[in-house]
Amino acid sequence: MLSRVASAPKARLVAIIPVRSASDAAVPALTPEENPGIFQKISMRFKGTPLKSETHAPKSMFDDIGKQFVPPEPLPKVPKDYKEFPERDLVNFPYPERPTFEPKTRFLMIPDSWCTPFHKVTGASGPYLFYGGLFAFMLNKELWVYEEQGHMLCGWILLYIIAKNAYGYRIDKSLYKGYQERMDYFKGLIQEDLKEATEFRKNSAAETEALKAVKDSFPTIFKENMALQLEAAYRRNIQSVSTELKRRLDYLQETEATKQRFERDLLLKLISEGVQKSIDTNEGNIKDAYLDNCIAQLKTLSTK
């Protein structure tokens, strides 16, 4: 190959030298835990294991498998002496009680109460033989016809078992939460009614105590009320007498002042008329005497 390149006319020799930088160093192979395949991812999803790029564990429908919901508080029971009606027979017809836990089952779906009665007669394996034989007898005698779609019953049973075990815990939890909220709502209504009844009883008790206290001290209260009424009447009478007396005294004072003013005006008028008459008639040369008196007073005032 090199000889051909060297002997070729007008051929350019091209040498390719691979250059590898530090960043292109050999990358170590990832382990299956670091780079899981599709089936490993599915398995990790079922196990609830987070991937390397995830910070939280994924939620899986199989997280609650095998869990049984235990209510934090037991369900309340009906009191034994409670009767909805007086004629109810509580011995033969008691009130049904809601069990706290679901009844025990076998094979995840068969009630245990169906198998327990056989233990005393046939032992622990008796129920299985009985129901298995009954199932075979019904198939043999065609009492239960197994149709061509009957095999789907196994799928429905499997689906029921998966759904019950996968979502039963969440369903019981949500149902109990709804039950508690409903009970709290009714308890709130009862508390409101009891609050009103309690307030009514307190007010009634206070009114009863007040009426009893009034009844015990009624004579004293009656005397005090009579004394207050007499005192009020006495004060009204004193006020009316004082007002009337003041009015009469004001009338007498005004009458006396009017009389004195009339006498003074009349006396001044008589004196003025007498003096004016004496001046006009110049009786006893009164003008000259008054004039000399006035001149003397003026001289006296001028010297001061």
C-alpha atoms as a PDB file:
ATOM      1  CA  MET A   1       0.000   0.000   0.000  1.00  0.00           C
ATOM      2  CA  LEU A   2       2.835   2.425   0.922  1.00  0.00           C
ATOM      3  CA  SER A   3       4.767   1.537  -2.271  1.00  0.00           C
ATOM      4  CA  ARG A   4       1.796   2.433  -4.395  1.00  0.00           C
ATOM      5  CA  VAL A   5       1.400   5.750  -2.671  1.00  0.00           C
ATOM      6  CA  ALA A   6       5.127   6.543  -3.031  1.00  0.00           C
ATOM      7  CA  SER A   7       5.333   5.613  -6.747  1.00  0.00           C
ATOM      8  CA  ALA A   8       2.165   7.392  -7.771  1.00  0.00           C
ATOM      9  CA  PRO A   9       2.867  10.515  -9.866  1.00  0.00           C
ATOM     10  CA  LYS A  10       1.882  13.863  -8.414  1.00  0.00           C
ATOM     11  CA  ALA A  11       0.572  12.109  -5.407  1.00  0.00           C
ATOM     12  CA  ARG A  12       0.539  13.885  -2.141  1.00  0.00           C
ATOM     13  CA  LEU A  13       1.637  12.002   0.868  1.00  0.00           C
ATOM     14  CA  VAL A  14      -0.915  12.403   3.573  1.00  0.00           C
ATOM     15  CA  ALA A  15      -0.120  11.047   7.017  1.00  0.00           C
ATOM     16  CA  ILE A  16      -2.874  10.876   9.551  1.00  0.00           C
ATOM     17  CA  ILE A  17      -1.524  10.969  13.074  1.00  0.00           C
ATOM     18  CA  PRO A  18      -4.144  10.378  15.696  1.00  0.00           C
ATOM     19  CA  VAL A  19      -3.903  12.846  18.525  1.00  0.00           C
ATOM     20  CA  ARG A  20      -5.683  12.145  21.805  1.00  0.00           C
ATOM     21  CA  SER A  21      -6.138  14.872  24.361  1.00  0.00           C
ATOM     22  CA  ALA A  22      -6.447  14.475  28.077  1.00  0.00           C
ATOM     23  CA  SER A  23     -10.219  14.909  27.912  1.00  0.00           C
ATOM     24  CA  ASP A  24     -10.482  11.923  25.519  1.00  0.00           C
ATOM     25  CA  ALA A  25      -9.070   9.528  28.057  1.00  0.00           C
ATOM     26  CA  ALA A  26     -10.586   6.099  28.299  1.00  0.00           C
ATOM     27  CA  VAL A  27     -13.985   6.247  30.062  1.00  0.00           C
ATOM     28  CA  PRO A  28     -14.570   3.336  32.439  1.00  0.00           C
ATOM     29  CA  ALA A  29     -17.583   1.202  31.693  1.00  0.00           C
ATOM     30  CA  LEU A  30     -20.657   1.889  33.777  1.00  0.00           C
ATOM     31  CA  THR A  31     -21.911  -0.785  36.132  1.00  0.00           C
ATOM     32  CA  PRO A  32     -25.475  -2.135  35.771  1.00  0.00           C
ATOM     33  CA  GLU A  33     -26.450  -0.245  38.943  1.00  0.00           C
ATOM     34  CA  GLU A  34     -25.313   3.064  37.396  1.00  0.00           C
ATOM     35  CA  ASN A  35     -26.732   2.425  33.937  1.00  0.00           C
ATOM     36  CA  PRO A  36     -29.616  -0.054  34.350  1.00  0.00           C
ATOM     37  CA  GLY A  37     -31.402  -1.550  31.426  1.00  0.00           C
ATOM     38  CA  ILE A  38     -35.066  -1.333  30.652  1.00  0.00           C
ATOM     39  CA  PHE A  39     -35.950  -4.458  32.646  1.00  0.00           C
ATOM     40  CA  GLN A  40     -33.793  -3.334  35.564  1.00  0.00           C
ATOM     41  CA  LYS A  41     -35.593   0.018  35.555  1.00  0.00           C
ATOM     42  CA  ILE A  42     -38.955  -1.752  35.632  1.00  0.00           C
ATOM     43  CA  SER A  43     -37.753  -3.895  38.534  1.00  0.00           C
ATOM     44  CA  MET A  44     -36.493  -0.811  40.391  1.00  0.00           C
ATOM     45  CA  ARG A  45     -39.852   0.873  39.795  1.00  0.00           C
ATOM     46  CA  PHE A  46     -41.653  -2.095  41.357  1.00  0.00           C
ATOM     47  CA  LYS A  47     -39.239  -2.091  44.298  1.00  0.00           C
ATOM     48  CA  GLY A  48     -39.521   1.689  44.764  1.00  0.00           C
ATOM     49  CA  THR A  49     -35.761   2.204  44.316  1.00  0.00           C
ATOM     50  CA  PRO A  50     -34.842   5.642  42.865  1.00  0.00           C
ATOM     51  CA  LEU A  51     -32.592   5.911  39.846  1.00  0.00           C
ATOM     52  CA  LYS A  52     -29.254   7.718  39.941  1.00  0.00           C
ATOM     53  CA  SER A  53     -30.764  10.895  38.453  1.00  0.00           C
ATOM     54  CA  GLU A  54     -33.722  10.903  40.878  1.00  0.00           C
ATOM     55  CA  THR A  55     -33.663  12.521  44.309  1.00  0.00           C
ATOM     56  CA  HIS A  56     -36.838  10.934  45.662  1.00  0.00           C
ATOM     57  CA  ALA A  57     -38.092   7.395  45.604  1.00  0.00           C
ATOM     58  CA  PRO A  58     -40.819   6.858  42.993  1.00  0.00           C
ATOM     59  CA  LYS A  59     -44.392   6.162  44.043  1.00  0.00           C
ATOM     60  CA  SER A  60     -45.532   2.704  43.160  1.00  0.00           C
ATOM     61  CA  MET A  61     -48.962   1.109  43.253  1.00  0.00           C
ATOM     62  CA  PHE A  62     -47.388  -1.786  45.138  1.00  0.00           C
ATOM     63  CA  ASP A  63     -46.045   0.340  48.030  1.00  0.00           C
ATOM     64  CA  ASP A  64     -49.028  -0.480  50.232  1.00  0.00           C
ATOM     65  CA  ILE A  65     -49.196  -4.212  49.518  1.00  0.00           C
ATOM     66  CA  GLY A  66     -49.422  -6.160  52.761  1.00  0.00           C
ATOM     67  CA  LYS A  67     -50.366  -3.104  54.820  1.00  0.00           C
ATOM     68  CA  GLN A  68     -53.494  -3.127  56.943  1.00  0.00           C
ATOM     69  CA  PHE A  69     -55.055   0.132  58.025  1.00  0.00           C
ATOM     70  CA  VAL A  70     -55.411   0.449  61.789  1.00  0.00           C
ATOM     71  CA  PRO A  71     -57.674   3.335  62.832  1.00  0.00           C
ATOM     72  CA  PRO A  72     -56.047   5.602  65.432  1.00  0.00           C
ATOM     73  CA  GLU A  73     -59.265   5.682  67.466  1.00  0.00           C
ATOM     74  CA  PRO A  74     -61.754   2.831  67.917  1.00  0.00           C
ATOM     75  CA  LEU A  75     -65.166   3.326  66.427  1.00  0.00           C
ATOM     76  CA  PRO A  76     -67.792   4.411  68.980  1.00  0.00           C
ATOM     77  CA  LYS A  77     -70.294   1.826  70.100  1.00  0.00           C
ATOM     78  CA  VAL A  78     -73.978   2.275  70.796  1.00  0.00           C
ATOM     79  CA  PRO A  79     -74.684   2.323  74.566  1.00  0.00           C
ATOM     80  CA  LYS A  80     -76.312  -0.835  75.820  1.00  0.00           C
ATOM     81  CA  ASP A  81     -79.150   1.025  77.516  1.00  0.00           C
ATOM     82  CA  TYR A  82     -79.931   3.198  74.485  1.00  0.00           C
ATOM     83  CA  LYS A  83     -83.325   2.625  72.877  1.00  0.00           C
ATOM     84  CA  GLU A  84     -84.536   4.325  69.763  1.00  0.00           C
ATOM     85  CA  PHE A  85     -88.090   3.439  70.803  1.00  0.00           C
ATOM     86  CA  PRO A  86     -89.293   2.083  74.164  1.00  0.00           C
ATOM     87  CA  GLU A  87     -90.730  -1.074  72.579  1.00  0.00           C
ATOM     88  CA  ARG A  88     -87.478  -2.110  70.843  1.00  0.00           C
ATOM     89  CA  ASP A  89     -86.151  -5.553  71.807  1.00  0.00           C
ATOM     90  CA  LEU A  90     -82.419  -5.121  72.319  1.00  0.00           C
ATOM     91  CA  VAL A  91     -81.878  -8.759  73.301  1.00  0.00           C
ATOM     92  CA  ASN A  92     -83.074 -10.373  70.086  1.00  0.00           C
ATOM     93  CA  PHE A  93     -82.498  -7.385  67.822  1.00  0.00           C
ATOM     94  CA  PRO A  94     -79.434  -5.506  69.060  1.00  0.00           C
ATOM     95  CA  TYR A  95     -77.964  -2.591  67.212  1.00  0.00           C
ATOM     96  CA  PRO A  96     -75.387  -3.655  64.583  1.00  0.00           C
ATOM     97  CA  GLU A  97     -71.838  -2.698  65.395  1.00  0.00           C
ATOM     98  CA  ARG A  98     -69.333  -1.715  62.771  1.00  0.00           C
ATOM     99  CA  PRO A  99     -66.169  -3.807  63.255  1.00  0.00           C
ATOM    100  CA  THR A 100     -62.890  -1.975  63.538  1.00  0.00           C
ATOM    101  CA  PHE A 101     -61.039  -4.487  61.358  1.00  0.00           C
ATOM    102  CA  GLU A 102     -62.211  -6.480  58.379  1.00  0.00           C
ATOM    103  CA  PRO A 103     -63.023 -10.158  59.013  1.00  0.00           C
ATOM    104  CA  LYS A 104     -60.332 -12.756  58.570  1.00  0.00           C
ATOM    105  CA  THR A 105     -60.132 -14.365  55.134  1.00  0.00           C
ATOM    106  CA  ARG A 106     -58.441 -17.333  53.530  1.00  0.00           C
ATOM    107  CA  PHE A 107     -56.861 -17.261  50.101  1.00  0.00           C
ATOM    108  CA  LEU A 108     -57.286 -13.447  50.274  1.00  0.00           C
ATOM    109  CA  MET A 109     -60.996 -13.702  49.487  1.00  0.00           C
ATOM    110  CA  ILE A 110     -62.769 -16.600  51.276  1.00  0.00           C
ATOM    111  CA  PRO A 111     -64.284 -15.640  54.676  1.00  0.00           C
ATOM    112  CA  ASP A 112     -62.795 -17.558  57.554  1.00  0.00           C
ATOM    113  CA  SER A 113     -66.257 -17.935  59.117  1.00  0.00           C
ATOM    114  CA  TRP A 114     -67.175 -20.284  56.257  1.00  0.00           C
ATOM    115  CA  CYS A 115     -64.371 -22.690  57.209  1.00  0.00           C
ATOM    116  CA  THR A 116     -64.303 -22.567  60.987  1.00  0.00           C
ATOM    117  CA  PRO A 117     -67.448 -24.703  61.629  1.00  0.00           C
ATOM    118  CA  PHE A 118     -65.795 -27.678  59.826  1.00  0.00           C
ATOM    119  CA  HIS A 119     -62.809 -27.849  62.195  1.00  0.00           C
ATOM    120  CA  LYS A 120     -64.650 -29.667  64.969  1.00  0.00           C
ATOM    121  CA  VAL A 121     -65.840 -32.412  62.586  1.00  0.00           C
ATOM    122  CA  THR A 122     -63.338 -32.749  59.768  1.00  0.00           C
ATOM    123  CA  GLY A 123     -60.287 -30.930  61.031  1.00  0.00           C
ATOM    124  CA  ALA A 124     -58.339 -28.111  59.397  1.00  0.00           C
ATOM    125  CA  SER A 125     -58.430 -29.628  55.884  1.00  0.00           C
ATOM    126  CA  GLY A 126     -62.165 -30.317  55.930  1.00  0.00           C
ATOM    127  CA  PRO A 127     -63.327 -26.962  54.529  1.00  0.00           C
ATOM    128  CA  TYR A 128     -61.041 -27.243  51.518  1.00  0.00           C
ATOM    129  CA  LEU A 129     -62.161 -30.787  50.750  1.00  0.00           C
ATOM    130  CA  PHE A 130     -65.818 -29.877  51.201  1.00  0.00           C
ATOM    131  CA  TYR A 131     -65.798 -26.793  48.998  1.00  0.00           C
ATOM    132  CA  GLY A 132     -63.513 -28.473  46.460  1.00  0.00           C
ATOM    133  CA  GLY A 133     -65.787 -31.510  46.299  1.00  0.00           C
ATOM    134  CA  LEU A 134     -68.872 -29.291  46.088  1.00  0.00           C
ATOM    135  CA  PHE A 135     -67.297 -27.385  43.217  1.00  0.00           C
ATOM    136  CA  ALA A 136     -66.403 -30.644  41.412  1.00  0.00           C
ATOM    137  CA  PHE A 137     -69.903 -32.081  42.027  1.00  0.00           C
ATOM    138  CA  MET A 138     -71.569 -28.952  40.602  1.00  0.00           C
ATOM    139  CA  LEU A 139     -69.327 -29.095  37.535  1.00  0.00           C
ATOM    140  CA  ASN A 140     -69.901 -32.843  37.075  1.00  0.00           C
ATOM    141  CA  LYS A 141     -73.690 -32.618  37.331  1.00  0.00           C
ATOM    142  CA  GLU A 142     -73.702 -29.401  35.298  1.00  0.00           C
ATOM    143  CA  LEU A 143     -75.395 -27.510  38.075  1.00  0.00           C
ATOM    144  CA  TRP A 144     -72.850 -24.804  37.386  1.00  0.00           C
ATOM    145  CA  VAL A 145     -72.249 -24.623  33.661  1.00  0.00           C
ATOM    146  CA  TYR A 146     -68.710 -23.581  32.918  1.00  0.00           C
ATOM    147  CA  GLU A 147     -69.063 -21.501  29.787  1.00  0.00           C
ATOM    148  CA  GLU A 148     -66.359 -20.798  27.278  1.00  0.00           C
ATOM    149  CA  GLN A 149     -65.807 -17.361  28.862  1.00  0.00           C
ATOM    150  CA  GLY A 150     -65.602 -18.853  32.339  1.00  0.00           C
ATOM    151  CA  HIS A 151     -61.818 -18.798  32.340  1.00  0.00           C
ATOM    152  CA  MET A 152     -62.051 -15.019  32.557  1.00  0.00           C
ATOM    153  CA  LEU A 153     -63.298 -15.486  36.123  1.00  0.00           C
ATOM    154  CA  CYS A 154     -59.755 -16.353  37.159  1.00  0.00           C
ATOM    155  CA  GLY A 155     -58.531 -13.103  35.664  1.00  0.00           C
ATOM    156  CA  TRP A 156     -61.233 -11.136  37.474  1.00  0.00           C
ATOM    157  CA  ILE A 157     -60.373 -12.857  40.738  1.00  0.00           C
ATOM    158  CA  LEU A 158     -56.687 -12.061  40.202  1.00  0.00           C
ATOM    159  CA  LEU A 159     -57.554  -8.466  39.346  1.00  0.00           C
ATOM    160  CA  TYR A 160     -59.656  -8.197  42.489  1.00  0.00           C
ATOM    161  CA  ILE A 161     -56.867  -9.567  44.657  1.00  0.00           C
ATOM    162  CA  ILE A 162     -54.315  -7.166  43.139  1.00  0.00           C
ATOM    163  CA  ALA A 163     -56.638  -4.160  43.481  1.00  0.00           C
ATOM    164  CA  LYS A 164     -57.598  -5.087  47.047  1.00  0.00           C
ATOM    165  CA  ASN A 165     -54.027  -5.496  48.203  1.00  0.00           C
ATOM    166  CA  ALA A 166     -52.670  -2.546  46.195  1.00  0.00           C
ATOM    167  CA  TYR A 167     -55.360   0.014  46.972  1.00  0.00           C
ATOM    168  CA  GLY A 168     -57.179  -1.429  49.984  1.00  0.00           C
ATOM    169  CA  TYR A 169     -54.967   0.407  52.470  1.00  0.00           C
ATOM    170  CA  ARG A 170     -55.463   3.773  50.726  1.00  0.00           C
ATOM    171  CA  ILE A 171     -59.209   3.210  50.331  1.00  0.00           C
ATOM    172  CA  ASP A 172     -59.627   2.309  54.009  1.00  0.00           C
ATOM    173  CA  LYS A 173     -57.551   5.337  55.012  1.00  0.00           C
ATOM    174  CA  SER A 174     -59.552   7.732  52.843  1.00  0.00           C
ATOM    175  CA  LEU A 175     -62.874   6.228  53.965  1.00  0.00           C
ATOM    176  CA  TYR A 176     -61.866   6.535  57.616  1.00  0.00           C
ATOM    177  CA  LYS A 177     -60.816  10.145  57.020  1.00  0.00           C
ATOM    178  CA  GLY A 178     -64.184  10.909  55.415  1.00  0.00           C
ATOM    179  CA  TYR A 179     -65.938   9.130  58.263  1.00  0.00           C
ATOM    180  CA  GLN A 180     -64.020  11.176  60.852  1.00  0.00           C
ATOM    181  CA  GLU A 181     -64.813  14.431  59.017  1.00  0.00           C
ATOM    182  CA  ARG A 182     -68.494  13.528  58.915  1.00  0.00           C
ATOM    183  CA  MET A 183     -68.496  12.581  62.592  1.00  0.00           C
ATOM    184  CA  ASP A 184     -66.677  15.815  63.471  1.00  0.00           C
ATOM    185  CA  TYR A 185     -69.330  17.745  61.536  1.00  0.00           C
ATOM    186  CA  PHE A 186     -72.153  16.084  63.461  1.00  0.00           C
ATOM    187  CA  LYS A 187     -70.263  16.523  66.729  1.00  0.00           C
ATOM    188  CA  GLY A 188     -69.931  20.222  65.925  1.00  0.00           C
ATOM    189  CA  LEU A 189     -73.693  20.450  65.412  1.00  0.00           C
ATOM    190  CA  ILE A 190     -74.277  18.663  68.718  1.00  0.00           C
ATOM    191  CA  GLN A 191     -71.821  20.966  70.475  1.00  0.00           C
ATOM    192  CA  GLU A 192     -73.619  24.009  69.071  1.00  0.00           C
ATOM    193  CA  ASP A 193     -76.944  22.679  70.340  1.00  0.00           C
ATOM    194  CA  LEU A 194     -75.410  21.823  73.695  1.00  0.00           C
ATOM    195  CA  LYS A 195     -73.808  25.262  73.858  1.00  0.00           C
ATOM    196  CA  GLU A 196     -77.188  26.933  73.370  1.00  0.00           C
ATOM    197  CA  ALA A 197     -78.758  24.608  75.942  1.00  0.00           C
ATOM    198  CA  THR A 198     -75.930  25.303  78.413  1.00  0.00           C
ATOM    199  CA  GLU A 199     -76.292  29.054  77.949  1.00  0.00           C
ATOM    200  CA  PHE A 200     -80.051  28.746  78.446  1.00  0.00           C
ATOM    201  CA  ARG A 201     -79.540  26.758  81.649  1.00  0.00           C
ATOM    202  CA  LYS A 202     -77.034  29.299  82.961  1.00  0.00           C
ATOM    203  CA  ASN A 203     -79.377  32.190  82.209  1.00  0.00           C
ATOM    204  CA  SER A 204     -82.304  30.324  83.771  1.00  0.00           C
ATOM    205  CA  ALA A 205     -80.266  29.585  86.896  1.00  0.00           C
ATOM    206  CA  ALA A 206     -79.193  33.240  87.147  1.00  0.00           C
ATOM    207  CA  GLU A 207     -82.798  34.422  86.741  1.00  0.00           C
ATOM    208  CA  THR A 208     -83.963  31.933  89.368  1.00  0.00           C
ATOM    209  CA  GLU A 209     -81.329  33.129  91.825  1.00  0.00           C
ATOM    210  CA  ALA A 210     -82.263  36.753  91.137  1.00  0.00           C
ATOM    211  CA  LEU A 211     -85.980  36.074  91.685  1.00  0.00           C
ATOM    212  CA  LYS A 212     -85.198  34.179  94.889  1.00  0.00           C
ATOM    213  CA  ALA A 213     -83.054  37.052  96.157  1.00  0.00           C
ATOM    214  CA  VAL A 214     -85.820  39.541  95.286  1.00  0.00           C
ATOM    215  CA  LYS A 215     -88.405  37.392  97.031  1.00  0.00           C
ATOM    216  CA  ASP A 216     -86.289  37.097 100.191  1.00  0.00           C
ATOM    217  CA  SER A 217     -85.533  40.835 100.389  1.00  0.00           C
ATOM    218  CA  PHE A 218     -88.872  42.089  99.028  1.00  0.00           C
ATOM    219  CA  PRO A 219     -90.029  43.803 102.308  1.00  0.00           C
ATOM    220  CA  THR A 220     -86.779  45.740 102.551  1.00  0.00           C
ATOM    221  CA  ILE A 221     -86.932  46.647  98.881  1.00  0.00           C
ATOM    222  CA  PHE A 222     -90.561  47.737  99.271  1.00  0.00           C
ATOM    223  CA  LYS A 223     -89.684  49.971 102.242  1.00  0.00           C
ATOM    224  CA  GLU A 224     -86.725  51.467 100.404  1.00  0.00           C
ATOM    225  CA  ASN A 225     -88.870  52.106  97.322  1.00  0.00           C
ATOM    226  CA  MET A 226     -91.556  53.787  99.475  1.00  0.00           C
ATOM    227  CA  ALA A 227     -88.908  55.909 101.206  1.00  0.00           C
ATOM    228  CA  LEU A 228     -87.454  56.908  97.842  1.00  0.00           C
ATOM    229  CA  GLN A 229     -90.910  57.795  96.520  1.00  0.00           C
ATOM    230  CA  LEU A 230     -91.687  59.870  99.644  1.00  0.00           C
ATOM    231  CA  GLU A 231     -88.331  61.606  99.398  1.00  0.00           C
ATOM    232  CA  ALA A 232     -88.983  62.382  95.739  1.00  0.00           C
ATOM    233  CA  ALA A 233     -92.491  63.744  96.523  1.00  0.00           C
ATOM    234  CA  TYR A 234     -91.081  65.844  99.403  1.00  0.00           C
ATOM    235  CA  ARG A 235     -88.408  67.296  97.137  1.00  0.00           C
ATOM    236  CA  ARG A 236     -91.007  68.103  94.460  1.00  0.00           C
ATOM    237  CA  ASN A 237     -93.194  69.859  97.035  1.00  0.00           C
ATOM    238  CA  ILE A 238     -90.237  71.830  98.425  1.00  0.00           C
ATOM    239  CA  GLN A 239     -89.280  72.839  94.899  1.00  0.00           C
ATOM    240  CA  SER A 240     -92.813  73.975  94.050  1.00  0.00           C
ATOM    241  CA  VAL A 241     -93.125  75.943  97.364  1.00  0.00           C
ATOM    242  CA  SER A 242     -89.745  77.549  96.795  1.00  0.00           C
ATOM    243  CA  THR A 243     -90.703  78.516  93.241  1.00  0.00           C
ATOM    244  CA  GLU A 244     -94.071  79.971  94.346  1.00  0.00           C
ATOM    245  CA  LEU A 245     -92.533  81.851  97.278  1.00  0.00           C
ATOM    246  CA  LYS A 246     -89.823  83.311  95.067  1.00  0.00           C
ATOM    247  CA  ARG A 247     -92.464  84.388  92.541  1.00  0.00           C
ATOM    248  CA  ARG A 248     -94.517  86.150  95.207  1.00  0.00           C
ATOM    249  CA  LEU A 249     -91.488  87.855  96.749  1.00  0.00           C
ATOM    250  CA  ASP A 250     -90.451  89.071  93.304  1.00  0.00           C
ATOM    251  CA  TYR A 251     -93.983  90.404  92.787  1.00  0.00           C
ATOM    252  CA  LEU A 252     -93.974  92.272  96.123  1.00  0.00           C
ATOM    253  CA  GLN A 253     -90.484  93.635  95.479  1.00  0.00           C
ATOM    254  CA  GLU A 254     -91.469  94.848  92.033  1.00  0.00           C
ATOM    255  CA  THR A 255     -94.713  96.363  93.410  1.00  0.00           C
ATOM    256  CA  GLU A 256     -92.843  98.225  96.146  1.00  0.00           C
ATOM    257  CA  ALA A 257     -90.225  99.464  93.706  1.00  0.00           C
ATOM    258  CA  THR A 258     -92.935 100.701  91.340  1.00  0.00           C
ATOM    259  CA  LYS A 259     -94.741 102.490  94.191  1.00  0.00           C
ATOM    260  CA  GLN A 260     -91.545 104.234  95.339  1.00  0.00           C
ATOM    261  CA  ARG A 261     -90.680 105.214  91.783  1.00  0.00           C
ATOM    262  CA  PHE A 262     -94.181 106.642  91.287  1.00  0.00           C
ATOM    263  CA  GLU A 263     -94.001 108.622  94.558  1.00  0.00           C
ATOM    264  CA  ARG A 264     -90.543 109.938  93.665  1.00  0.00           C
ATOM    265  CA  ASP A 265     -91.645 110.991  90.205  1.00  0.00           C
ATOM    266  CA  LEU A 266     -94.761 112.645  91.613  1.00  0.00           C
ATOM    267  CA  LEU A 267     -92.785 114.474  94.329  1.00  0.00           C
ATOM    268  CA  LEU A 268     -90.176 115.665  91.830  1.00  0.00           C
ATOM    269  CA  LYS A 269     -92.934 116.874  89.545  1.00  0.00           C
ATOM    270  CA  LEU A 270     -94.619 118.836  92.369  1.00  0.00           C
ATOM    271  CA  ILE A 271     -91.332 120.346  93.470  1.00  0.00           C
ATOM    272  CA  SER A 272     -90.379 121.264  89.902  1.00  0.00           C
ATOM    273  CA  GLU A 273     -93.764 122.850  89.260  1.00  0.00           C
ATOM    274  CA  GLY A 274     -93.630 124.781  92.558  1.00  0.00           C
ATOM    275  CA  VAL A 275     -90.131 126.089  91.920  1.00  0.00           C
ATOM    276  CA  GLN A 276     -91.009 126.925  88.304  1.00  0.00           C
ATOM    277  CA  LYS A 277     -94.110 128.787  89.510  1.00  0.00           C
ATOM    278  CA  SER A 278     -92.137 130.705  92.131  1.00  0.00           C
ATOM    279  CA  ILE A 279     -89.516 131.641  89.504  1.00  0.00           C
ATOM    280  CA  ASP A 280     -92.135 132.705  87.018  1.00  0.00           C
ATOM    281  CA  THR A 281     -93.970 134.883  89.577  1.00  0.00           C
ATOM    282  CA  ASN A 282     -90.643 136.088  91.138  1.00  0.00           C
ATOM    283  CA  GLU A 283     -92.125 135.665  94.557  1.00  0.00           C
ATOM    284  CA  GLY A 284     -89.910 137.273  97.212  1.00  0.00           C
ATOM    285  CA  ASN A 285     -87.435 138.475  94.577  1.00  0.00           C
ATOM    286  CA  ILE A 286     -86.316 134.875  94.138  1.00  0.00           C
ATOM    287  CA  LYS A 287     -84.675 135.440  90.719  1.00  0.00           C
ATOM    288  CA  ASP A 288     -82.200 138.022  92.121  1.00  0.00           C
ATOM    289  CA  ALA A 289     -81.434 135.805  95.074  1.00  0.00           C
ATOM    290  CA  TYR A 290     -80.759 132.793  92.813  1.00  0.00           C
ATOM    291  CA  LEU A 291     -78.696 134.951  90.468  1.00  0.00           C
ATOM    292  CA  ASP A 292     -76.573 136.369  93.303  1.00  0.00           C
ATOM    293  CA  ASN A 293     -76.101 132.855  94.647  1.00  0.00           C
ATOM    294  CA  CYS A 294     -74.989 131.633  91.228  1.00  0.00           C
ATOM    295  CA  ILE A 295     -72.481 134.479  90.806  1.00  0.00           C
ATOM    296  CA  ALA A 296     -71.051 133.779  94.244  1.00  0.00           C
ATOM    297  CA  GLN A 297     -70.647 130.080  93.426  1.00  0.00           C
ATOM    298  CA  LEU A 298     -68.924 130.956  90.117  1.00  0.00           C
ATOM    299  CA  LYS A 299     -66.472 133.253  91.906  1.00  0.00           C
ATOM    300  CA  THR A 300     -65.789 130.539  94.422  1.00  0.00           C
ATOM    301  CA  LEU A 301     -65.099 128.044  91.624  1.00  0.00           C
ATOM    302  CA  SER A 302     -62.862 130.527  89.747  1.00  0.00           C
ATOM    303  CA  THR A 303     -60.673 131.052  92.804  1.00  0.00           C
ATOM    304  CA  LYS A 304     -60.081 127.344  93.262  1.00  0.00           C
END
